[in-house]
């Protein structure tokens, strides 16, 4: 990629708390308490998302839900690396445009 701008010039990746529905939040809390009781820290009470925002107008290019903070941290490292190394076109080709929620790729309205 010579002479092209990096995707990081136009976009930034952030870790954000999931905006869970009340039912989903209750399920997360139940799973977290049960998991902690068994001595396992796999489930966390609050979900995390990796969100890629436009630097110019803060619109969302990509939103990916994760099951825990550790997974979110690994994902954001990879996304930030690609933002730094790829052109905007290559980044969008690699990661897709829109929102990814629960394994489905959907457009944000």
C-alpha atoms as a PDB file:
ATOM      1  CA  UNK A   1       0.000   0.000   0.000  1.00  0.00           C
ATOM      2  CA  UNK A   2       2.083   2.890  -1.226  1.00  0.00           C
ATOM      3  CA  UNK A   3       0.754   6.432  -1.241  1.00  0.00           C
ATOM      4  CA  UNK A   4      -2.662   5.426   0.092  1.00  0.00           C
ATOM      5  CA  UNK A   5      -4.063   6.656   3.377  1.00  0.00           C
ATOM      6  CA  UNK A   6      -4.473   4.155   6.176  1.00  0.00           C
ATOM      7  CA  UNK A   7      -7.949   3.283   7.401  1.00  0.00           C
ATOM      8  CA  UNK A   8      -6.910   4.649  10.818  1.00  0.00           C
ATOM      9  CA  UNK A   9      -6.920   8.128   9.266  1.00  0.00           C
ATOM     10  CA  UNK A  10     -10.705   7.797   8.816  1.00  0.00           C
ATOM     11  CA  UNK A  11     -11.781   5.316  11.502  1.00  0.00           C
ATOM     12  CA  UNK A  12     -11.072   4.416  15.108  1.00  0.00           C
ATOM     13  CA  UNK A  13     -11.946   1.295  17.105  1.00  0.00           C
ATOM     14  CA  UNK A  14     -13.378   1.549  20.625  1.00  0.00           C
ATOM     15  CA  UNK A  15     -14.394  -0.877  23.340  1.00  0.00           C
ATOM     16  CA  UNK A  16     -17.950  -0.148  24.449  1.00  0.00           C
ATOM     17  CA  UNK A  17     -20.351  -1.727  26.900  1.00  0.00           C
ATOM     18  CA  UNK A  18     -23.083  -3.770  25.234  1.00  0.00           C
ATOM     19  CA  UNK A  19     -26.505  -2.204  25.155  1.00  0.00           C
ATOM     20  CA  UNK A  20     -28.320  -5.343  26.258  1.00  0.00           C
ATOM     21  CA  UNK A  21     -32.077  -5.665  26.520  1.00  0.00           C
ATOM     22  CA  UNK A  22     -33.316  -6.184  30.098  1.00  0.00           C
ATOM     23  CA  UNK A  23     -33.869  -9.888  29.399  1.00  0.00           C
ATOM     24  CA  UNK A  24     -30.395 -10.356  27.951  1.00  0.00           C
ATOM     25  CA  UNK A  25     -28.836  -8.383  30.826  1.00  0.00           C
ATOM     26  CA  UNK A  26     -30.646 -10.602  33.350  1.00  0.00           C
ATOM     27  CA  UNK A  27     -29.359 -13.682  31.521  1.00  0.00           C
ATOM     28  CA  UNK A  28     -25.800 -12.345  31.617  1.00  0.00           C
ATOM     29  CA  UNK A  29     -26.045 -11.666  35.352  1.00  0.00           C
ATOM     30  CA  UNK A  30     -27.455 -15.146  35.993  1.00  0.00           C
ATOM     31  CA  UNK A  31     -24.721 -16.798  33.922  1.00  0.00           C
ATOM     32  CA  UNK A  32     -22.019 -14.679  35.607  1.00  0.00           C
ATOM     33  CA  UNK A  33     -23.221 -15.568  39.106  1.00  0.00           C
ATOM     34  CA  UNK A  34     -23.540 -19.256  38.243  1.00  0.00           C
ATOM     35  CA  UNK A  35     -20.127 -19.234  36.574  1.00  0.00           C
ATOM     36  CA  UNK A  36     -18.505 -17.506  39.551  1.00  0.00           C
ATOM     37  CA  UNK A  37     -20.109 -20.014  41.915  1.00  0.00           C
ATOM     38  CA  UNK A  38     -18.392 -22.794  39.997  1.00  0.00           C
ATOM     39  CA  UNK A  39     -15.072 -20.932  40.090  1.00  0.00           C
ATOM     40  CA  UNK A  40     -15.115 -20.111  36.395  1.00  0.00           C
ATOM     41  CA  UNK A  41     -14.800 -16.557  35.082  1.00  0.00           C
ATOM     42  CA  UNK A  42     -16.010 -17.316  31.549  1.00  0.00           C
ATOM     43  CA  UNK A  43     -19.173 -15.202  31.725  1.00  0.00           C
ATOM     44  CA  UNK A  44     -19.229 -11.536  32.600  1.00  0.00           C
ATOM     45  CA  UNK A  45     -22.229  -9.619  33.846  1.00  0.00           C
ATOM     46  CA  UNK A  46     -21.712  -6.798  31.356  1.00  0.00           C
ATOM     47  CA  UNK A  47     -21.087  -7.524  27.693  1.00  0.00           C
ATOM     48  CA  UNK A  48     -18.523  -5.727  25.572  1.00  0.00           C
ATOM     49  CA  UNK A  49     -18.558  -4.673  21.946  1.00  0.00           C
ATOM     50  CA  UNK A  50     -15.843  -3.543  19.588  1.00  0.00           C
ATOM     51  CA  UNK A  51     -17.165  -0.610  17.574  1.00  0.00           C
ATOM     52  CA  UNK A  52     -15.429   1.104  14.645  1.00  0.00           C
ATOM     53  CA  UNK A  53     -16.463   4.769  14.345  1.00  0.00           C
ATOM     54  CA  UNK A  54     -15.828   7.386  11.687  1.00  0.00           C
ATOM     55  CA  UNK A  55     -13.437  10.058  12.935  1.00  0.00           C
ATOM     56  CA  UNK A  56     -15.351  12.762  11.036  1.00  0.00           C
ATOM     57  CA  UNK A  57     -18.959  12.223  12.110  1.00  0.00           C
ATOM     58  CA  UNK A  58     -18.829   9.342  14.638  1.00  0.00           C
ATOM     59  CA  UNK A  59     -21.047   7.078  12.508  1.00  0.00           C
ATOM     60  CA  UNK A  60     -20.643   3.366  13.098  1.00  0.00           C
ATOM     61  CA  UNK A  61     -18.907   1.335  10.397  1.00  0.00           C
ATOM     62  CA  UNK A  62     -18.728  -1.940  12.316  1.00  0.00           C
ATOM     63  CA  UNK A  63     -20.098  -3.276  15.613  1.00  0.00           C
ATOM     64  CA  UNK A  64     -19.079  -6.685  16.921  1.00  0.00           C
ATOM     65  CA  UNK A  65     -20.472  -8.240  20.089  1.00  0.00           C
ATOM     66  CA  UNK A  66     -18.149 -10.366  22.198  1.00  0.00           C
ATOM     67  CA  UNK A  67     -18.857 -12.818  24.990  1.00  0.00           C
ATOM     68  CA  UNK A  68     -16.360 -11.303  27.429  1.00  0.00           C
ATOM     69  CA  UNK A  69     -13.835  -8.535  27.892  1.00  0.00           C
ATOM     70  CA  UNK A  70     -10.853 -10.772  27.122  1.00  0.00           C
ATOM     71  CA  UNK A  71     -12.302 -11.631  23.709  1.00  0.00           C
ATOM     72  CA  UNK A  72     -13.078  -7.945  23.085  1.00  0.00           C
ATOM     73  CA  UNK A  73      -9.495  -6.960  23.916  1.00  0.00           C
ATOM     74  CA  UNK A  74      -8.068  -9.548  21.517  1.00  0.00           C
ATOM     75  CA  UNK A  75     -10.445  -8.421  18.769  1.00  0.00           C
ATOM     76  CA  UNK A  76      -9.732  -4.710  19.174  1.00  0.00           C
ATOM     77  CA  UNK A  77      -5.986  -5.339  18.944  1.00  0.00           C
ATOM     78  CA  UNK A  78      -6.502  -7.085  15.579  1.00  0.00           C
ATOM     79  CA  UNK A  79      -8.873  -4.407  14.290  1.00  0.00           C
ATOM     80  CA  UNK A  80      -6.541  -1.568  15.323  1.00  0.00           C
ATOM     81  CA  UNK A  81      -3.625  -3.351  13.639  1.00  0.00           C
ATOM     82  CA  UNK A  82      -5.641  -3.628  10.419  1.00  0.00           C
ATOM     83  CA  UNK A  83      -6.738   0.019  10.677  1.00  0.00           C
ATOM     84  CA  UNK A  84      -3.049   1.002  10.889  1.00  0.00           C
ATOM     85  CA  UNK A  85      -1.900  -1.280   8.070  1.00  0.00           C
ATOM     86  CA  UNK A  86      -4.743  -1.371   5.519  1.00  0.00           C
ATOM     87  CA  UNK A  87      -6.247   1.256   3.258  1.00  0.00           C
ATOM     88  CA  UNK A  88      -9.850   2.212   3.949  1.00  0.00           C
ATOM     89  CA  UNK A  89     -11.063   0.169   0.974  1.00  0.00           C
ATOM     90  CA  UNK A  90      -9.049  -2.887   2.050  1.00  0.00           C
ATOM     91  CA  UNK A  91     -10.245  -2.556   5.656  1.00  0.00           C
ATOM     92  CA  UNK A  92     -13.907  -2.425   4.589  1.00  0.00           C
ATOM     93  CA  UNK A  93     -13.330  -5.396   2.257  1.00  0.00           C
ATOM     94  CA  UNK A  94     -11.713  -7.348   5.109  1.00  0.00           C
ATOM     95  CA  UNK A  95     -14.135  -6.547   7.927  1.00  0.00           C
ATOM     96  CA  UNK A  96     -17.305  -5.631   6.057  1.00  0.00           C
ATOM     97  CA  UNK A  97     -19.454  -2.550   6.409  1.00  0.00           C
ATOM     98  CA  UNK A  98     -22.414  -2.347   8.770  1.00  0.00           C
ATOM     99  CA  UNK A  99     -23.098  -4.011  12.079  1.00  0.00           C
ATOM    100  CA  UNK A 100     -22.376  -7.544  13.156  1.00  0.00           C
ATOM    101  CA  UNK A 101     -24.654  -8.593  15.973  1.00  0.00           C
ATOM    102  CA  UNK A 102     -25.081 -12.151  17.194  1.00  0.00           C
ATOM    103  CA  UNK A 103     -23.237 -13.469  14.178  1.00  0.00           C
ATOM    104  CA  UNK A 104     -25.490 -11.658  11.680  1.00  0.00           C
ATOM    105  CA  UNK A 105     -24.317  -8.878   9.421  1.00  0.00           C
ATOM    106  CA  UNK A 106     -26.904  -6.069   9.348  1.00  0.00           C
ATOM    107  CA  UNK A 107     -26.959  -2.506   8.119  1.00  0.00           C
ATOM    108  CA  UNK A 108     -27.373   0.250  10.694  1.00  0.00           C
ATOM    109  CA  UNK A 109     -30.333   2.532  10.001  1.00  0.00           C
END
